[in-house]
Amino acid sequence: MKLPRDVSGARLVKTLAALGYRATRQTGSHIRLTCEAPTQHHITIPNHDPLRVGTLAAILGDVASHHGIERDALVERLFGR
């Protein structure tokens, strides 16, 4: 599935909140998110507008791997594309 090209870091942070991620700290333009379920997981999101496609792909791949689902299914769930 094709990734959206217009996703900002702030929008991704809000979108990942639906999966249980919450901001735990921010250093400069990078926001660290933590999810407690199914196990503790940390990801760092650059607060850029827009995110580079490779960066977005890596973040979503990491989140999908942690939750045990395919990246395309995660994109569909988060962005409805």
PDB file of N, CA and C in Angstrom:
ATOM      1  N   MET A   1       0.839  -1.173   0.000  1.00  0.00           N
ATOM      2  CA  MET A   1       0.000   0.000   0.000  1.00  0.00           C
ATOM      3  C   MET A   1       0.884   1.236   0.000  1.00  0.00           C
ATOM      4  N   LYS A   2       0.493   2.241  -0.750  1.00  0.00           N
ATOM      5  CA  LYS A   2       1.251   3.470  -0.848  1.00  0.00           C
ATOM      6  C   LYS A   2       1.082   4.300   0.422  1.00  0.00           C
ATOM      7  N   LEU A   3       2.196   4.816   0.921  1.00  0.00           N
ATOM      8  CA  LEU A   3       2.165   5.630   2.129  1.00  0.00           C
ATOM      9  C   LEU A   3       1.717   7.048   1.806  1.00  0.00           C
ATOM     10  N   PRO A   4       1.018   7.688   2.736  1.00  0.00           N
ATOM     11  CA  PRO A   4       0.640   9.087   2.517  1.00  0.00           C
ATOM     12  C   PRO A   4       1.891   9.967   2.483  1.00  0.00           C
ATOM     13  N   ARG A   5       1.867  11.000   1.655  1.00  0.00           N
ATOM     14  CA  ARG A   5       3.029  11.867   1.473  1.00  0.00           C
ATOM     15  C   ARG A   5       2.954  13.162   2.282  1.00  0.00           C
ATOM     16  N   ASP A   6       1.831  13.409   2.924  1.00  0.00           N
ATOM     17  CA  ASP A   6       1.620  14.696   3.585  1.00  0.00           C
ATOM     18  C   ASP A   6       1.481  14.587   5.102  1.00  0.00           C
ATOM     19  N   VAL A   7       2.090  13.597   5.702  1.00  0.00           N
ATOM     20  CA  VAL A   7       1.948  13.374   7.147  1.00  0.00           C
ATOM     21  C   VAL A   7       3.039  14.138   7.888  1.00  0.00           C
ATOM     22  N   SER A   8       2.616  14.962   8.830  1.00  0.00           N
ATOM     23  CA  SER A   8       3.580  15.676   9.673  1.00  0.00           C
ATOM     24  C   SER A   8       3.874  14.837  10.916  1.00  0.00           C
ATOM     25  N   GLY A   9       4.939  15.178  11.605  1.00  0.00           N
ATOM     26  CA  GLY A   9       5.270  14.479  12.843  1.00  0.00           C
ATOM     27  C   GLY A   9       4.186  14.641  13.887  1.00  0.00           C
ATOM     28  N   ALA A  10       3.631  15.851  13.993  1.00  0.00           N
ATOM     29  CA  ALA A  10       2.570  16.102  14.979  1.00  0.00           C
ATOM     30  C   ALA A  10       1.324  15.274  14.668  1.00  0.00           C
ATOM     31  N   ARG A  11       0.971  15.159  13.378  1.00  0.00           N
ATOM     32  CA  ARG A  11      -0.203  14.355  13.008  1.00  0.00           C
ATOM     33  C   ARG A  11       0.043  12.877  13.312  1.00  0.00           C
ATOM     34  N   LEU A  12       1.259  12.392  13.066  1.00  0.00           N
ATOM     35  CA  LEU A  12       1.568  10.993  13.341  1.00  0.00           C
ATOM     36  C   LEU A  12       1.481  10.703  14.837  1.00  0.00           C
ATOM     37  N   VAL A  13       1.949  11.633  15.656  1.00  0.00           N
ATOM     38  CA  VAL A  13       1.855  11.462  17.116  1.00  0.00           C
ATOM     39  C   VAL A  13       0.394  11.320  17.530  1.00  0.00           C
ATOM     40  N   LYS A  14      -0.483  12.184  17.004  1.00  0.00           N
ATOM     41  CA  LYS A  14      -1.909  12.109  17.337  1.00  0.00           C
ATOM     42  C   LYS A  14      -2.528  10.815  16.823  1.00  0.00           C
ATOM     43  N   THR A  15      -2.131  10.401  15.632  1.00  0.00           N
ATOM     44  CA  THR A  15      -2.678   9.187  15.033  1.00  0.00           C
ATOM     45  C   THR A  15      -2.265   7.946  15.820  1.00  0.00           C
ATOM     46  N   LEU A  16      -1.014   7.898  16.263  1.00  0.00           N
ATOM     47  CA  LEU A  16      -0.536   6.729  17.007  1.00  0.00           C
ATOM     48  C   LEU A  16      -1.135   6.648  18.411  1.00  0.00           C
ATOM     49  N   ALA A  17      -1.738   7.728  18.877  1.00  0.00           N
ATOM     50  CA  ALA A  17      -2.410   7.689  20.179  1.00  0.00           C
ATOM     51  C   ALA A  17      -3.545   6.670  20.169  1.00  0.00           C
ATOM     52  N   ALA A  18      -4.120   6.407  18.993  1.00  0.00           N
ATOM     53  CA  ALA A  18      -5.187   5.412  18.874  1.00  0.00           C
ATOM     54  C   ALA A  18      -4.683   4.001  19.176  1.00  0.00           C
ATOM     55  N   LEU A  19      -3.376   3.786  19.049  1.00  0.00           N
ATOM     56  CA  LEU A  19      -2.789   2.479  19.353  1.00  0.00           C
ATOM     57  C   LEU A  19      -2.219   2.424  20.766  1.00  0.00           C
ATOM     58  N   GLY A  20      -2.412   3.472  21.540  1.00  0.00           N
ATOM     59  CA  GLY A  20      -1.943   3.468  22.923  1.00  0.00           C
ATOM     60  C   GLY A  20      -0.610   4.150  23.132  1.00  0.00           C
ATOM     61  N   TYR A  21      -0.055   4.796  22.119  1.00  0.00           N
ATOM     62  CA  TYR A  21       1.208   5.516  22.273  1.00  0.00           C
ATOM     63  C   TYR A  21       0.933   6.874  22.894  1.00  0.00           C
ATOM     64  N   ARG A  22       1.833   7.291  23.772  1.00  0.00           N
ATOM     65  CA  ARG A  22       1.722   8.617  24.374  1.00  0.00           C
ATOM     66  C   ARG A  22       3.108   9.253  24.412  1.00  0.00           C
ATOM     67  N   ALA A  23       3.138  10.559  24.312  1.00  0.00           N
ATOM     68  CA  ALA A  23       4.408  11.285  24.341  1.00  0.00           C
ATOM     69  C   ALA A  23       4.988  11.215  25.751  1.00  0.00           C
ATOM     70  N   THR A  24       6.245  10.787  25.852  1.00  0.00           N
ATOM     71  CA  THR A  24       6.882  10.695  27.161  1.00  0.00           C
ATOM     72  C   THR A  24       7.955  11.753  27.338  1.00  0.00           C
ATOM     73  N   ARG A  25       8.513  12.253  26.226  1.00  0.00           N
ATOM     74  CA  ARG A  25       9.483  13.338  26.334  1.00  0.00           C
ATOM     75  C   ARG A  25       9.730  13.927  24.956  1.00  0.00           C
ATOM     76  N   GLN A  26      10.314  15.121  24.952  1.00  0.00           N
ATOM     77  CA  GLN A  26      10.681  15.765  23.701  1.00  0.00           C
ATOM     78  C   GLN A  26      12.038  16.415  23.872  1.00  0.00           C
ATOM     79  N   THR A  27      12.920  16.168  22.919  1.00  0.00           N
ATOM     80  CA  THR A  27      14.233  16.788  22.894  1.00  0.00           C
ATOM     81  C   THR A  27      14.381  17.470  21.548  1.00  0.00           C
ATOM     82  N   GLY A  28      14.404  18.782  21.553  1.00  0.00           N
ATOM     83  CA  GLY A  28      14.479  19.515  20.297  1.00  0.00           C
ATOM     84  C   GLY A  28      13.248  19.243  19.460  1.00  0.00           C
ATOM     85  N   SER A  29      13.459  18.791  18.227  1.00  0.00           N
ATOM     86  CA  SER A  29      12.324  18.530  17.340  1.00  0.00           C
ATOM     87  C   SER A  29      11.956  17.051  17.284  1.00  0.00           C
ATOM     88  N   HIS A  30      12.417  16.264  18.244  1.00  0.00           N
ATOM     89  CA  HIS A  30      12.104  14.837  18.255  1.00  0.00           C
ATOM     90  C   HIS A  30      11.247  14.491  19.473  1.00  0.00           C
ATOM     91  N   ILE A  31      10.184  13.763  19.209  1.00  0.00           N
ATOM     92  CA  ILE A  31       9.224  13.378  20.251  1.00  0.00           C
ATOM     93  C   ILE A  31       9.330  11.876  20.471  1.00  0.00           C
ATOM     94  N   ARG A  32       9.491  11.475  21.706  1.00  0.00           N
ATOM     95  CA  ARG A  32       9.554  10.043  22.028  1.00  0.00           C
ATOM     96  C   ARG A  32       8.189   9.590  22.517  1.00  0.00           C
ATOM     97  N   LEU A  33       7.696   8.527  21.896  1.00  0.00           N
ATOM     98  CA  LEU A  33       6.412   7.945  22.266  1.00  0.00           C
ATOM     99  C   LEU A  33       6.636   6.599  22.926  1.00  0.00           C
ATOM    100  N   THR A  34       5.776   6.270  23.865  1.00  0.00           N
ATOM    101  CA  THR A  34       5.845   4.991  24.567  1.00  0.00           C
ATOM    102  C   THR A  34       4.483   4.330  24.536  1.00  0.00           C
ATOM    103  N   CYS A  35       4.488   3.015  24.298  1.00  0.00           N
ATOM    104  CA  CYS A  35       3.280   2.199  24.342  1.00  0.00           C
ATOM    105  C   CYS A  35       3.531   1.105  25.376  1.00  0.00           C
ATOM    106  N   GLU A  36       2.565   0.853  26.221  1.00  0.00           N
ATOM    107  CA  GLU A  36       2.729  -0.139  27.285  1.00  0.00           C
ATOM    108  C   GLU A  36       2.168  -1.508  26.930  1.00  0.00           C
ATOM    109  N   ALA A  37       1.361  -1.600  25.864  1.00  0.00           N
ATOM    110  CA  ALA A  37       0.738  -2.879  25.530  1.00  0.00           C
ATOM    111  C   ALA A  37       1.076  -3.265  24.109  1.00  0.00           C
ATOM    112  N   PRO A  38       1.298  -4.464  23.746  1.00  0.00           N
ATOM    113  CA  PRO A  38       1.334  -5.662  24.592  1.00  0.00           C
ATOM    114  C   PRO A  38       2.566  -5.703  25.495  1.00  0.00           C
ATOM    115  N   THR A  39       3.668  -5.080  25.076  1.00  0.00           N
ATOM    116  CA  THR A  39       4.828  -4.889  25.935  1.00  0.00           C
ATOM    117  C   THR A  39       5.279  -3.452  25.740  1.00  0.00           C
ATOM    118  N   GLN A  40       6.197  -3.010  26.580  1.00  0.00           N
ATOM    119  CA  GLN A  40       6.665  -1.631  26.461  1.00  0.00           C
ATOM    120  C   GLN A  40       7.450  -1.446  25.161  1.00  0.00           C
ATOM    121  N   HIS A  41       7.151  -0.363  24.452  1.00  0.00           N
ATOM    122  CA  HIS A  41       7.787  -0.079  23.167  1.00  0.00           C
ATOM    123  C   HIS A  41       7.990   1.428  23.050  1.00  0.00           C
ATOM    124  N   HIS A  42       9.173   1.832  22.595  1.00  0.00           N
ATOM    125  CA  HIS A  42       9.493   3.248  22.417  1.00  0.00           C
ATOM    126  C   HIS A  42       9.788   3.518  20.950  1.00  0.00           C
ATOM    127  N   ILE A  43       9.309   4.645  20.451  1.00  0.00           N
ATOM    128  CA  ILE A  43       9.674   5.111  19.113  1.00  0.00           C
ATOM    129  C   ILE A  43       9.921   6.613  19.192  1.00  0.00           C
ATOM    130  N   THR A  44      10.772   7.091  18.313  1.00  0.00           N
ATOM    131  CA  THR A  44      11.071   8.514  18.253  1.00  0.00           C
ATOM    132  C   THR A  44      10.584   9.055  16.925  1.00  0.00           C
ATOM    133  N   ILE A  45       9.832  10.144  16.993  1.00  0.00           N
ATOM    134  CA  ILE A  45       9.236  10.750  15.811  1.00  0.00           C
ATOM    135  C   ILE A  45       9.814  12.155  15.647  1.00  0.00           C
ATOM    136  N   PRO A  46      10.400  12.463  14.490  1.00  0.00           N
ATOM    137  CA  PRO A  46      10.830  13.844  14.264  1.00  0.00           C
ATOM    138  C   PRO A  46       9.609  14.727  14.020  1.00  0.00           C
ATOM    139  N   ASN A  47       9.573  15.881  14.634  1.00  0.00           N
ATOM    140  CA  ASN A  47       8.435  16.785  14.493  1.00  0.00           C
ATOM    141  C   ASN A  47       8.648  17.674  13.268  1.00  0.00           C
ATOM    142  N   HIS A  48       8.673  17.046  12.101  1.00  0.00           N
ATOM    143  CA  HIS A  48       8.891  17.747  10.843  1.00  0.00           C
ATOM    144  C   HIS A  48       7.592  17.748  10.039  1.00  0.00           C
ATOM    145  N   ASP A  49       7.486  18.692   9.116  1.00  0.00           N
ATOM    146  CA  ASP A  49       6.287  18.781   8.277  1.00  0.00           C
ATOM    147  C   ASP A  49       6.704  18.984   6.833  1.00  0.00           C
ATOM    148  N   PRO A  50       6.527  18.018   5.972  1.00  0.00           N
ATOM    149  CA  PRO A  50       6.080  16.645   6.216  1.00  0.00           C
ATOM    150  C   PRO A  50       7.249  15.739   6.568  1.00  0.00           C
ATOM    151  N   LEU A  51       6.919  14.544   7.062  1.00  0.00           N
ATOM    152  CA  LEU A  51       7.947  13.528   7.306  1.00  0.00           C
ATOM    153  C   LEU A  51       8.411  12.965   5.971  1.00  0.00           C
ATOM    154  N   ARG A  52       9.664  12.611   5.877  1.00  0.00           N
ATOM    155  CA  ARG A  52      10.153  11.948   4.672  1.00  0.00           C
ATOM    156  C   ARG A  52       9.521  10.564   4.584  1.00  0.00           C
ATOM    157  N   VAL A  53       9.295  10.119   3.360  1.00  0.00           N
ATOM    158  CA  VAL A  53       8.602   8.846   3.141  1.00  0.00           C
ATOM    159  C   VAL A  53       9.373   7.685   3.759  1.00  0.00           C
ATOM    160  N   GLY A  54      10.683   7.676   3.645  1.00  0.00           N
ATOM    161  CA  GLY A  54      11.491   6.603   4.227  1.00  0.00           C
ATOM    162  C   GLY A  54      11.418   6.592   5.745  1.00  0.00           C
ATOM    163  N   THR A  55      11.399   7.776   6.333  1.00  0.00           N
ATOM    164  CA  THR A  55      11.270   7.882   7.795  1.00  0.00           C
ATOM    165  C   THR A  55       9.922   7.365   8.244  1.00  0.00           C
ATOM    166  N   LEU A  56       8.872   7.776   7.550  1.00  0.00           N
ATOM    167  CA  LEU A  56       7.516   7.306   7.873  1.00  0.00           C
ATOM    168  C   LEU A  56       7.414   5.795   7.714  1.00  0.00           C
ATOM    169  N   ALA A  57       7.991   5.262   6.640  1.00  0.00           N
ATOM    170  CA  ALA A  57       7.953   3.817   6.403  1.00  0.00           C
ATOM    171  C   ALA A  57       8.661   3.064   7.527  1.00  0.00           C
ATOM    172  N   ALA A  58       9.795   3.570   7.973  1.00  0.00           N
ATOM    173  CA  ALA A  58      10.543   2.908   9.045  1.00  0.00           C
ATOM    174  C   ALA A  58       9.771   2.935  10.360  1.00  0.00           C
ATOM    175  N   ILE A  59       9.165   4.075  10.673  1.00  0.00           N
ATOM    176  CA  ILE A  59       8.395   4.199  11.917  1.00  0.00           C
ATOM    177  C   ILE A  59       7.200   3.256  11.889  1.00  0.00           C
ATOM    178  N   LEU A  60       6.444   3.282  10.790  1.00  0.00           N
ATOM    179  CA  LEU A  60       5.264   2.423  10.692  1.00  0.00           C
ATOM    180  C   LEU A  60       5.642   0.943  10.665  1.00  0.00           C
ATOM    181  N   GLY A  61       6.771   0.610  10.046  1.00  0.00           N
ATOM    182  CA  GLY A  61       7.246  -0.774  10.050  1.00  0.00           C
ATOM    183  C   GLY A  61       7.575  -1.243  11.453  1.00  0.00           C
ATOM    184  N   ASP A  62       8.199  -0.375  12.240  1.00  0.00           N
ATOM    185  CA  ASP A  62       8.548  -0.703  13.616  1.00  0.00           C
ATOM    186  C   ASP A  62       7.287  -0.883  14.469  1.00  0.00           C
ATOM    187  N   VAL A  63       6.327   0.014  14.305  1.00  0.00           N
ATOM    188  CA  VAL A  63       5.067  -0.084  15.059  1.00  0.00           C
ATOM    189  C   VAL A  63       4.302  -1.348  14.659  1.00  0.00           C
ATOM    190  N   ALA A  64       4.228  -1.627  13.356  1.00  0.00           N
ATOM    191  CA  ALA A  64       3.518  -2.816  12.883  1.00  0.00           C
ATOM    192  C   ALA A  64       4.167  -4.087  13.414  1.00  0.00           C
ATOM    193  N   SER A  65       5.489  -4.128  13.405  1.00  0.00           N
ATOM    194  CA  SER A  65       6.214  -5.286  13.913  1.00  0.00           C
ATOM    195  C   SER A  65       5.917  -5.497  15.404  1.00  0.00           C
ATOM    196  N   HIS A  66       5.907  -4.426  16.159  1.00  0.00           N
ATOM    197  CA  HIS A  66       5.644  -4.538  17.600  1.00  0.00           C
ATOM    198  C   HIS A  66       4.232  -5.059  17.870  1.00  0.00           C
ATOM    199  N   HIS A  67       3.268  -4.617  17.065  1.00  0.00           N
ATOM    200  CA  HIS A  67       1.883  -5.028  17.283  1.00  0.00           C
ATOM    201  C   HIS A  67       1.520  -6.312  16.534  1.00  0.00           C
ATOM    202  N   GLY A  68       2.459  -6.864  15.779  1.00  0.00           N
ATOM    203  CA  GLY A  68       2.233  -8.143  15.114  1.00  0.00           C
ATOM    204  C   GLY A  68       1.274  -8.087  13.943  1.00  0.00           C
ATOM    205  N   ILE A  69       1.266  -6.971  13.208  1.00  0.00           N
ATOM    206  CA  ILE A  69       0.405  -6.856  12.036  1.00  0.00           C
ATOM    207  C   ILE A  69       1.247  -6.407  10.839  1.00  0.00           C
ATOM    208  N   GLU A  70       0.695  -6.546   9.658  1.00  0.00           N
ATOM    209  CA  GLU A  70       1.373  -6.104   8.446  1.00  0.00           C
ATOM    210  C   GLU A  70       1.370  -4.577   8.391  1.00  0.00           C
ATOM    211  N   ARG A  71       2.412  -4.008   7.778  1.00  0.00           N
ATOM    212  CA  ARG A  71       2.491  -2.554   7.666  1.00  0.00           C
ATOM    213  C   ARG A  71       1.318  -1.990   6.858  1.00  0.00           C
ATOM    214  N   ASP A  72       0.926  -2.675   5.784  1.00  0.00           N
ATOM    215  CA  ASP A  72      -0.193  -2.200   4.969  1.00  0.00           C
ATOM    216  C   ASP A  72      -1.491  -2.156   5.776  1.00  0.00           C
ATOM    217  N   ALA A  73      -1.694  -3.143   6.625  1.00  0.00           N
ATOM    218  CA  ALA A  73      -2.890  -3.163   7.480  1.00  0.00           C
ATOM    219  C   ALA A  73      -2.853  -2.010   8.480  1.00  0.00           C
ATOM    220  N   LEU A  74      -1.664  -1.699   8.978  1.00  0.00           N
ATOM    221  CA  LEU A  74      -1.520  -0.588   9.911  1.00  0.00           C
ATOM    222  C   LEU A  74      -1.807   0.741   9.220  1.00  0.00           C
ATOM    223  N   VAL A  75      -1.298   0.922   8.010  1.00  0.00           N
ATOM    224  CA  VAL A  75      -1.557   2.143   7.244  1.00  0.00           C
ATOM    225  C   VAL A  75      -3.046   2.300   6.991  1.00  0.00           C
ATOM    226  N   GLU A  76      -3.709   1.218   6.620  1.00  0.00           N
ATOM    227  CA  GLU A  76      -5.158   1.242   6.387  1.00  0.00           C
ATOM    228  C   GLU A  76      -5.905   1.625   7.662  1.00  0.00           C
ATOM    229  N   ARG A  77      -5.473   1.084   8.774  1.00  0.00           N
ATOM    230  CA  ARG A  77      -6.129   1.350  10.060  1.00  0.00           C
ATOM    231  C   ARG A  77      -5.927   2.802  10.508  1.00  0.00           C
ATOM    232  N   LEU A  78      -4.712   3.314  10.317  1.00  0.00           N
ATOM    233  CA  LEU A  78      -4.407   4.659  10.806  1.00  0.00           C
ATOM    234  C   LEU A  78      -4.866   5.775   9.879  1.00  0.00           C
ATOM    235  N   PHE A  79      -4.706   5.555   8.568  1.00  0.00           N
ATOM    236  CA  PHE A  79      -4.962   6.617   7.615  1.00  0.00           C
ATOM    237  C   PHE A  79      -6.153   6.353   6.702  1.00  0.00           C
ATOM    238  N   GLY A  80      -6.696   5.132   6.737  1.00  0.00           N
ATOM    239  CA  GLY A  80      -7.868   4.793   5.961  1.00  0.00           C
ATOM    240  C   GLY A  80      -7.682   4.910   4.460  1.00  0.00           C
ATOM    241  N   ARG A  81      -6.493   4.533   3.987  1.00  0.00           N
ATOM    242  CA  ARG A  81      -6.213   4.608   2.550  1.00  0.00           C
ATOM    243  C   ARG A  81      -6.127   3.233   1.968  1.00  0.00           C
TER     244      ARG A  81
END
